[in-house]
PDB file of N, CA and C in Angstrom:
ATOM      1  N   MET A   1      -5.650   2.279 -17.135  1.00  0.00           N
ATOM      2  CA  MET A   1      -5.626   3.131 -15.966  1.00  0.00           C
ATOM      3  C   MET A   1      -4.179   3.522 -15.660  1.00  0.00           C
ATOM      4  N   THR A   2      -4.034   4.738 -15.224  1.00  0.00           N
ATOM      5  CA  THR A   2      -2.740   5.251 -14.800  1.00  0.00           C
ATOM      6  C   THR A   2      -2.774   5.465 -13.298  1.00  0.00           C
ATOM      7  N   ARG A   3      -1.728   5.051 -12.620  1.00  0.00           N
ATOM      8  CA  ARG A   3      -1.617   5.290 -11.185  1.00  0.00           C
ATOM      9  C   ARG A   3      -0.870   6.594 -10.965  1.00  0.00           C
ATOM     10  N   VAL A   4      -1.404   7.424 -10.079  1.00  0.00           N
ATOM     11  CA  VAL A   4      -0.795   8.701  -9.746  1.00  0.00           C
ATOM     12  C   VAL A   4      -0.589   8.738  -8.239  1.00  0.00           C
ATOM     13  N   ALA A   5       0.597   9.140  -7.818  1.00  0.00           N
ATOM     14  CA  ALA A   5       0.895   9.261  -6.393  1.00  0.00           C
ATOM     15  C   ALA A   5       1.240  10.714  -6.097  1.00  0.00           C
ATOM     16  N   PHE A   6       0.969  11.121  -4.869  1.00  0.00           N
ATOM     17  CA  PHE A   6       1.281  12.482  -4.456  1.00  0.00           C
ATOM     18  C   PHE A   6       1.466  12.503  -2.944  1.00  0.00           C
ATOM     19  N   GLN A   7       2.074  13.574  -2.468  1.00  0.00           N
ATOM     20  CA  GLN A   7       2.163  13.742  -1.024  1.00  0.00           C
ATOM     21  C   GLN A   7       1.901  15.198  -0.674  1.00  0.00           C
ATOM     22  N   MET A   8       1.400  15.380   0.539  1.00  0.00           N
ATOM     23  CA  MET A   8       1.082  16.710   1.057  1.00  0.00           C
ATOM     24  C   MET A   8       1.538  16.771   2.504  1.00  0.00           C
ATOM     25  N   LYS A   9       1.818  17.958   2.951  1.00  0.00           N
ATOM     26  CA  LYS A   9       2.185  18.170   4.350  1.00  0.00           C
ATOM     27  C   LYS A   9       0.916  18.496   5.130  1.00  0.00           C
ATOM     28  N   LEU A  10       0.740  17.842   6.246  1.00  0.00           N
ATOM     29  CA  LEU A  10      -0.387  18.102   7.131  1.00  0.00           C
ATOM     30  C   LEU A  10       0.108  18.980   8.271  1.00  0.00           C
ATOM     31  N   PHE A  11      -0.663  19.993   8.624  1.00  0.00           N
ATOM     32  CA  PHE A  11      -0.267  20.841   9.732  1.00  0.00           C
ATOM     33  C   PHE A  11      -0.221  20.003  11.011  1.00  0.00           C
ATOM     34  N   PRO A  12       0.890  20.075  11.752  1.00  0.00           N
ATOM     35  CA  PRO A  12       1.004  19.304  12.996  1.00  0.00           C
ATOM     36  C   PRO A  12      -0.159  19.609  13.939  1.00  0.00           C
ATOM     37  N   GLY A  13      -0.648  18.555  14.589  1.00  0.00           N
ATOM     38  CA  GLY A  13      -1.748  18.702  15.524  1.00  0.00           C
ATOM     39  C   GLY A  13      -3.123  18.615  14.881  1.00  0.00           C
ATOM     40  N   GLN A  14      -3.182  18.463  13.558  1.00  0.00           N
ATOM     41  CA  GLN A  14      -4.465  18.420  12.855  1.00  0.00           C
ATOM     42  C   GLN A  14      -4.861  16.999  12.423  1.00  0.00           C
ATOM     43  N   GLU A  15      -4.132  16.004  12.893  1.00  0.00           N
ATOM     44  CA  GLU A  15      -4.376  14.634  12.449  1.00  0.00           C
ATOM     45  C   GLU A  15      -5.799  14.156  12.750  1.00  0.00           C
ATOM     46  N   VAL A  16      -6.282  14.413  13.953  1.00  0.00           N
ATOM     47  CA  VAL A  16      -7.625  13.948  14.345  1.00  0.00           C
ATOM     48  C   VAL A  16      -8.686  14.632  13.484  1.00  0.00           C
ATOM     49  N   GLU A  17      -8.572  15.927  13.310  1.00  0.00           N
ATOM     50  CA  GLU A  17      -9.553  16.660  12.505  1.00  0.00           C
ATOM     51  C   GLU A  17      -9.498  16.216  11.045  1.00  0.00           C
ATOM     52  N   TYR A  18      -8.305  15.996  10.521  1.00  0.00           N
ATOM     53  CA  TYR A  18      -8.142  15.513   9.152  1.00  0.00           C
ATOM     54  C   TYR A  18      -8.881  14.185   8.967  1.00  0.00           C
ATOM     55  N   LYS A  19      -8.648  13.245   9.873  1.00  0.00           N
ATOM     56  CA  LYS A  19      -9.308  11.932   9.772  1.00  0.00           C
ATOM     57  C   LYS A  19     -10.822  12.076   9.866  1.00  0.00           C
ATOM     58  N   LYS A  20     -11.299  12.902  10.790  1.00  0.00           N
ATOM     59  CA  LYS A  20     -12.737  13.109  10.959  1.00  0.00           C
ATOM     60  C   LYS A  20     -13.366  13.639   9.672  1.00  0.00           C
ATOM     61  N   ARG A  21     -12.748  14.637   9.091  1.00  0.00           N
ATOM     62  CA  ARG A  21     -13.317  15.237   7.884  1.00  0.00           C
ATOM     63  C   ARG A  21     -13.302  14.276   6.706  1.00  0.00           C
ATOM     64  N   HIS A  22     -12.281  13.432   6.598  1.00  0.00           N
ATOM     65  CA  HIS A  22     -12.245  12.483   5.492  1.00  0.00           C
ATOM     66  C   HIS A  22     -13.196  11.307   5.699  1.00  0.00           C
ATOM     67  N   GLU A  23     -13.544  11.014   6.932  1.00  0.00           N
ATOM     68  CA  GLU A  23     -14.544   9.977   7.178  1.00  0.00           C
ATOM     69  C   GLU A  23     -15.919  10.441   6.729  1.00  0.00           C
ATOM     70  N   GLU A  24     -16.085  11.745   6.620  1.00  0.00           N
ATOM     71  CA  GLU A  24     -17.365  12.345   6.226  1.00  0.00           C
ATOM     72  C   GLU A  24     -17.273  12.966   4.837  1.00  0.00           C
ATOM     73  N   ILE A  25     -16.515  12.340   3.933  1.00  0.00           N
ATOM     74  CA  ILE A  25     -16.330  12.902   2.591  1.00  0.00           C
ATOM     75  C   ILE A  25     -17.685  13.108   1.915  1.00  0.00           C
ATOM     76  N   TRP A  26     -17.834  14.221   1.254  1.00  0.00           N
ATOM     77  CA  TRP A  26     -19.115  14.601   0.668  1.00  0.00           C
ATOM     78  C   TRP A  26     -19.474  13.730  -0.534  1.00  0.00           C
ATOM     79  N   PRO A  27     -20.750  13.385  -0.667  1.00  0.00           N
ATOM     80  CA  PRO A  27     -21.195  12.609  -1.833  1.00  0.00           C
ATOM     81  C   PRO A  27     -20.894  13.334  -3.148  1.00  0.00           C
ATOM     82  N   GLU A  28     -21.031  14.666  -3.170  1.00  0.00           N
ATOM     83  CA  GLU A  28     -20.773  15.400  -4.410  1.00  0.00           C
ATOM     84  C   GLU A  28     -19.289  15.372  -4.784  1.00  0.00           C
ATOM     85  N   LEU A  29     -18.401  15.263  -3.801  1.00  0.00           N
ATOM     86  CA  LEU A  29     -16.977  15.129  -4.106  1.00  0.00           C
ATOM     87  C   LEU A  29     -16.692  13.737  -4.653  1.00  0.00           C
ATOM     88  N   LYS A  30     -17.278  12.732  -4.028  1.00  0.00           N
ATOM     89  CA  LYS A  30     -17.127  11.369  -4.557  1.00  0.00           C
ATOM     90  C   LYS A  30     -17.607  11.303  -6.002  1.00  0.00           C
ATOM     91  N   GLY A  31     -18.753  11.950  -6.267  1.00  0.00           N
ATOM     92  CA  GLY A  31     -19.300  11.962  -7.624  1.00  0.00           C
ATOM     93  C   GLY A  31     -18.380  12.663  -8.602  1.00  0.00           C
ATOM     94  N   LEU A  32     -17.809  13.778  -8.198  1.00  0.00           N
ATOM     95  CA  LEU A  32     -16.891  14.522  -9.062  1.00  0.00           C
ATOM     96  C   LEU A  32     -15.683  13.672  -9.428  1.00  0.00           C
ATOM     97  N   LEU A  33     -15.108  12.999  -8.448  1.00  0.00           N
ATOM     98  CA  LEU A  33     -13.956  12.142  -8.722  1.00  0.00           C
ATOM     99  C   LEU A  33     -14.323  11.022  -9.692  1.00  0.00           C
ATOM    100  N   LYS A  34     -15.471  10.397  -9.462  1.00  0.00           N
ATOM    101  CA  LYS A  34     -15.912   9.310 -10.337  1.00  0.00           C
ATOM    102  C   LYS A  34     -16.182   9.814 -11.753  1.00  0.00           C
ATOM    103  N   GLU A  35     -16.841  10.980 -11.860  1.00  0.00           N
ATOM    104  CA  GLU A  35     -17.134  11.561 -13.177  1.00  0.00           C
ATOM    105  C   GLU A  35     -15.869  11.850 -13.975  1.00  0.00           C
ATOM    106  N   ASN A  36     -14.779  12.098 -13.280  1.00  0.00           N
ATOM    107  CA  ASN A  36     -13.521  12.392 -13.950  1.00  0.00           C
ATOM    108  C   ASN A  36     -12.636  11.166 -14.119  1.00  0.00           C
ATOM    109  N   GLY A  37     -13.206   9.996 -13.898  1.00  0.00           N
ATOM    110  CA  GLY A  37     -12.492   8.752 -14.161  1.00  0.00           C
ATOM    111  C   GLY A  37     -11.523   8.330 -13.072  1.00  0.00           C
ATOM    112  N   ILE A  38     -11.691   8.887 -11.876  1.00  0.00           N
ATOM    113  CA  ILE A  38     -10.791   8.548 -10.774  1.00  0.00           C
ATOM    114  C   ILE A  38     -11.366   7.360 -10.004  1.00  0.00           C
ATOM    115  N   ALA A  39     -10.505   6.388  -9.760  1.00  0.00           N
ATOM    116  CA  ALA A  39     -10.897   5.189  -9.014  1.00  0.00           C
ATOM    117  C   ALA A  39      -9.779   4.829  -8.044  1.00  0.00           C
ATOM    118  N   GLU A  40     -10.096   3.999  -7.093  1.00  0.00           N
ATOM    119  CA  GLU A  40      -9.087   3.500  -6.157  1.00  0.00           C
ATOM    120  C   GLU A  40      -8.286   4.641  -5.535  1.00  0.00           C
ATOM    121  N   TYR A  41      -8.965   5.628  -5.006  1.00  0.00           N
ATOM    122  CA  TYR A  41      -8.333   6.790  -4.388  1.00  0.00           C
ATOM    123  C   TYR A  41      -8.091   6.495  -2.910  1.00  0.00           C
ATOM    124  N   SER A  42      -6.828   6.531  -2.490  1.00  0.00           N
ATOM    125  CA  SER A  42      -6.482   6.277  -1.096  1.00  0.00           C
ATOM    126  C   SER A  42      -5.481   7.312  -0.616  1.00  0.00           C
ATOM    127  N   ILE A  43      -5.640   7.738   0.629  1.00  0.00           N
ATOM    128  CA  ILE A  43      -4.686   8.649   1.251  1.00  0.00           C
ATOM    129  C   ILE A  43      -4.271   8.038   2.583  1.00  0.00           C
ATOM    130  N   PHE A  44      -2.963   8.051   2.827  1.00  0.00           N
ATOM    131  CA  PHE A  44      -2.413   7.474   4.042  1.00  0.00           C
ATOM    132  C   PHE A  44      -1.691   8.560   4.820  1.00  0.00           C
ATOM    133  N   LEU A  45      -1.836   8.536   6.118  1.00  0.00           N
ATOM    134  CA  LEU A  45      -1.174   9.485   6.988  1.00  0.00           C
ATOM    135  C   LEU A  45       0.083   8.868   7.581  1.00  0.00           C
ATOM    136  N   GLN A  46       1.186   9.564   7.432  1.00  0.00           N
ATOM    137  CA  GLN A  46       2.432   9.169   8.079  1.00  0.00           C
ATOM    138  C   GLN A  46       2.614  10.128   9.260  1.00  0.00           C
ATOM    139  N   PRO A  47       2.093   9.762  10.442  1.00  0.00           N
ATOM    140  CA  PRO A  47       2.006  10.705  11.551  1.00  0.00           C
ATOM    141  C   PRO A  47       3.334  11.239  12.063  1.00  0.00           C
ATOM    142  N   GLU A  48       4.392  10.442  11.970  1.00  0.00           N
ATOM    143  CA  GLU A  48       5.683  10.895  12.493  1.00  0.00           C
ATOM    144  C   GLU A  48       6.168  12.165  11.794  1.00  0.00           C
ATOM    145  N   GLN A  49       5.900  12.284  10.509  1.00  0.00           N
ATOM    146  CA  GLN A  49       6.328  13.443   9.731  1.00  0.00           C
ATOM    147  C   GLN A  49       5.165  14.362   9.348  1.00  0.00           C
ATOM    148  N   SER A  50       3.958  14.036   9.771  1.00  0.00           N
ATOM    149  CA  SER A  50       2.759  14.785   9.376  1.00  0.00           C
ATOM    150  C   SER A  50       2.664  14.909   7.857  1.00  0.00           C
ATOM    151  N   VAL A  51       2.892  13.796   7.185  1.00  0.00           N
ATOM    152  CA  VAL A  51       2.844  13.747   5.726  1.00  0.00           C
ATOM    153  C   VAL A  51       1.693  12.851   5.295  1.00  0.00           C
ATOM    154  N   LEU A  52       0.963  13.314   4.288  1.00  0.00           N
ATOM    155  CA  LEU A  52      -0.088  12.520   3.658  1.00  0.00           C
ATOM    156  C   LEU A  52       0.464  11.979   2.352  1.00  0.00           C
ATOM    157  N   PHE A  53       0.263  10.712   2.108  1.00  0.00           N
ATOM    158  CA  PHE A  53       0.687  10.073   0.868  1.00  0.00           C
ATOM    159  C   PHE A  53      -0.554   9.528   0.196  1.00  0.00           C
ATOM    160  N   GLY A  54      -0.805   9.962  -1.028  1.00  0.00           N
ATOM    161  CA  GLY A  54      -2.001   9.536  -1.739  1.00  0.00           C
ATOM    162  C   GLY A  54      -1.681   8.796  -3.016  1.00  0.00           C
ATOM    163  N   VAL A  55      -2.595   7.904  -3.375  1.00  0.00           N
ATOM    164  CA  VAL A  55      -2.494   7.143  -4.615  1.00  0.00           C
ATOM    165  C   VAL A  55      -3.892   7.068  -5.212  1.00  0.00           C
ATOM    166  N   LEU A  56      -3.955   7.292  -6.520  1.00  0.00           N
ATOM    167  CA  LEU A  56      -5.234   7.132  -7.208  1.00  0.00           C
ATOM    168  C   LEU A  56      -4.999   6.515  -8.571  1.00  0.00           C
ATOM    169  N   GLN A  57      -6.051   5.993  -9.137  1.00  0.00           N
ATOM    170  CA  GLN A  57      -6.014   5.484 -10.503  1.00  0.00           C
ATOM    171  C   GLN A  57      -6.988   6.317 -11.311  1.00  0.00           C
ATOM    172  N   ILE A  58      -6.578   6.674 -12.535  1.00  0.00           N
ATOM    173  CA  ILE A  58      -7.407   7.508 -13.378  1.00  0.00           C
ATOM    174  C   ILE A  58      -7.262   7.078 -14.836  1.00  0.00           C
ATOM    175  N   ASP A  59      -8.379   7.169 -15.559  1.00  0.00           N
ATOM    176  CA  ASP A  59      -8.365   6.812 -16.980  1.00  0.00           C
ATOM    177  C   ASP A  59      -7.483   7.768 -17.779  1.00  0.00           C
ATOM    178  N   ASP A  60      -7.669   9.066 -17.560  1.00  0.00           N
ATOM    179  CA  ASP A  60      -6.956  10.095 -18.316  1.00  0.00           C
ATOM    180  C   ASP A  60      -6.358  11.100 -17.336  1.00  0.00           C
ATOM    181  N   PRO A  61      -5.057  11.011 -17.035  1.00  0.00           N
ATOM    182  CA  PRO A  61      -4.444  11.916 -16.064  1.00  0.00           C
ATOM    183  C   PRO A  61      -4.603  13.399 -16.402  1.00  0.00           C
ATOM    184  N   ALA A  62      -4.820  13.743 -17.644  1.00  0.00           N
ATOM    185  CA  ALA A  62      -5.016  15.146 -18.029  1.00  0.00           C
ATOM    186  C   ALA A  62      -6.267  15.731 -17.371  1.00  0.00           C
ATOM    187  N   LYS A  63      -7.230  14.880 -17.013  1.00  0.00           N
ATOM    188  CA  LYS A  63      -8.451  15.361 -16.360  1.00  0.00           C
ATOM    189  C   LYS A  63      -8.170  15.944 -14.971  1.00  0.00           C
ATOM    190  N   LEU A  64      -7.048  15.565 -14.372  1.00  0.00           N
ATOM    191  CA  LEU A  64      -6.680  16.121 -13.072  1.00  0.00           C
ATOM    192  C   LEU A  64      -6.463  17.633 -13.158  1.00  0.00           C
ATOM    193  N   ASP A  65      -6.077  18.121 -14.331  1.00  0.00           N
ATOM    194  CA  ASP A  65      -5.828  19.549 -14.521  1.00  0.00           C
ATOM    195  C   ASP A  65      -7.093  20.384 -14.406  1.00  0.00           C
ATOM    196  N   ASP A  66      -8.260  19.773 -14.642  1.00  0.00           N
ATOM    197  CA  ASP A  66      -9.529  20.502 -14.594  1.00  0.00           C
ATOM    198  C   ASP A  66     -10.116  20.586 -13.180  1.00  0.00           C
ATOM    199  N   LEU A  67      -9.713  19.698 -12.308  1.00  0.00           N
ATOM    200  CA  LEU A  67     -10.320  19.631 -10.978  1.00  0.00           C
ATOM    201  C   LEU A  67     -10.156  20.911 -10.145  1.00  0.00           C
ATOM    202  N   PRO A  68      -9.007  21.589 -10.168  1.00  0.00           N
ATOM    203  CA  PRO A  68      -8.877  22.794  -9.338  1.00  0.00           C
ATOM    204  C   PRO A  68      -9.892  23.891  -9.661  1.00  0.00           C
ATOM    205  N   ASP A  69     -10.423  23.915 -10.869  1.00  0.00           N
ATOM    206  CA  ASP A  69     -11.402  24.937 -11.260  1.00  0.00           C
ATOM    207  C   ASP A  69     -12.832  24.566 -10.895  1.00  0.00           C
ATOM    208  N   ASN A  70     -13.046  23.326 -10.474  1.00  0.00           N
ATOM    209  CA  ASN A  70     -14.396  22.875 -10.169  1.00  0.00           C
ATOM    210  C   ASN A  70     -14.855  23.439  -8.823  1.00  0.00           C
ATOM    211  N   PRO A  71     -16.067  24.014  -8.759  1.00  0.00           N
ATOM    212  CA  PRO A  71     -16.565  24.593  -7.510  1.00  0.00           C
ATOM    213  C   PRO A  71     -16.621  23.600  -6.343  1.00  0.00           C
ATOM    214  N   VAL A  72     -16.940  22.345  -6.607  1.00  0.00           N
ATOM    215  CA  VAL A  72     -16.990  21.340  -5.537  1.00  0.00           C
ATOM    216  C   VAL A  72     -15.592  21.136  -4.951  1.00  0.00           C
ATOM    217  N   MET A  73     -14.597  21.054  -5.820  1.00  0.00           N
ATOM    218  CA  MET A  73     -13.225  20.862  -5.361  1.00  0.00           C
ATOM    219  C   MET A  73     -12.747  22.090  -4.581  1.00  0.00           C
ATOM    220  N   GLN A  74     -13.068  23.271  -5.064  1.00  0.00           N
ATOM    221  CA  GLN A  74     -12.671  24.498  -4.368  1.00  0.00           C
ATOM    222  C   GLN A  74     -13.319  24.570  -2.981  1.00  0.00           C
ATOM    223  N   LYS A  75     -14.592  24.191  -2.924  1.00  0.00           N
ATOM    224  CA  LYS A  75     -15.302  24.187  -1.640  1.00  0.00           C
ATOM    225  C   LYS A  75     -14.659  23.183  -0.675  1.00  0.00           C
ATOM    226  N   TRP A  76     -14.267  21.993  -1.171  1.00  0.00           N
ATOM    227  CA  TRP A  76     -13.627  20.973  -0.341  1.00  0.00           C
ATOM    228  C   TRP A  76     -12.289  21.479   0.196  1.00  0.00           C
ATOM    229  N   TRP A  77     -11.491  22.086  -0.668  1.00  0.00           N
ATOM    230  CA  TRP A  77     -10.188  22.581  -0.227  1.00  0.00           C
ATOM    231  C   TRP A  77     -10.335  23.670   0.834  1.00  0.00           C
ATOM    232  N   THR A  78     -11.333  24.527   0.665  1.00  0.00           N
ATOM    233  CA  THR A  78     -11.593  25.556   1.666  1.00  0.00           C
ATOM    234  C   THR A  78     -11.981  24.909   2.993  1.00  0.00           C
ATOM    235  N   TYR A  79     -12.820  23.903   2.924  1.00  0.00           N
ATOM    236  CA  TYR A  79     -13.265  23.179   4.122  1.00  0.00           C
ATOM    237  C   TYR A  79     -12.080  22.497   4.827  1.00  0.00           C
ATOM    238  N   MET A  80     -11.137  21.993   4.042  1.00  0.00           N
ATOM    239  CA  MET A  80     -10.014  21.249   4.604  1.00  0.00           C
ATOM    240  C   MET A  80      -8.912  22.142   5.145  1.00  0.00           C
ATOM    241  N   LYS A  81      -8.940  23.437   4.856  1.00  0.00           N
ATOM    242  CA  LYS A  81      -7.915  24.330   5.392  1.00  0.00           C
ATOM    243  C   LYS A  81      -8.063  24.424   6.905  1.00  0.00           C
ATOM    244  N   VAL A  82      -6.955  24.603   7.560  1.00  0.00           N
ATOM    245  CA  VAL A  82      -6.954  24.770   9.006  1.00  0.00           C
ATOM    246  C   VAL A  82      -7.550  26.138   9.322  1.00  0.00           C
ATOM    247  N   SER A  83      -8.481  26.154  10.261  1.00  0.00           N
ATOM    248  CA  SER A  83      -9.112  27.433  10.597  1.00  0.00           C
ATOM    249  C   SER A  83      -8.359  28.164  11.682  1.00  0.00           C
TER     250      SER A  83
END
């Protein structure tokens, strides 16, 4: 397994909505991550800077390159955008 870390900027004032939406993560998204060999996926919020820090483990990191083209992932990203 390879550990991959990343960070993203969260729009200020969206912390509550971000947490709410991640508490309700879709089963099809969980399935997609598992199908691609992703395990131990965690995201942490650093509220002072509105930064998200994520860590995941994956069998083959090259599989991460395919996720942006997946309709489930695209739908999730659209859902997570600030309206």
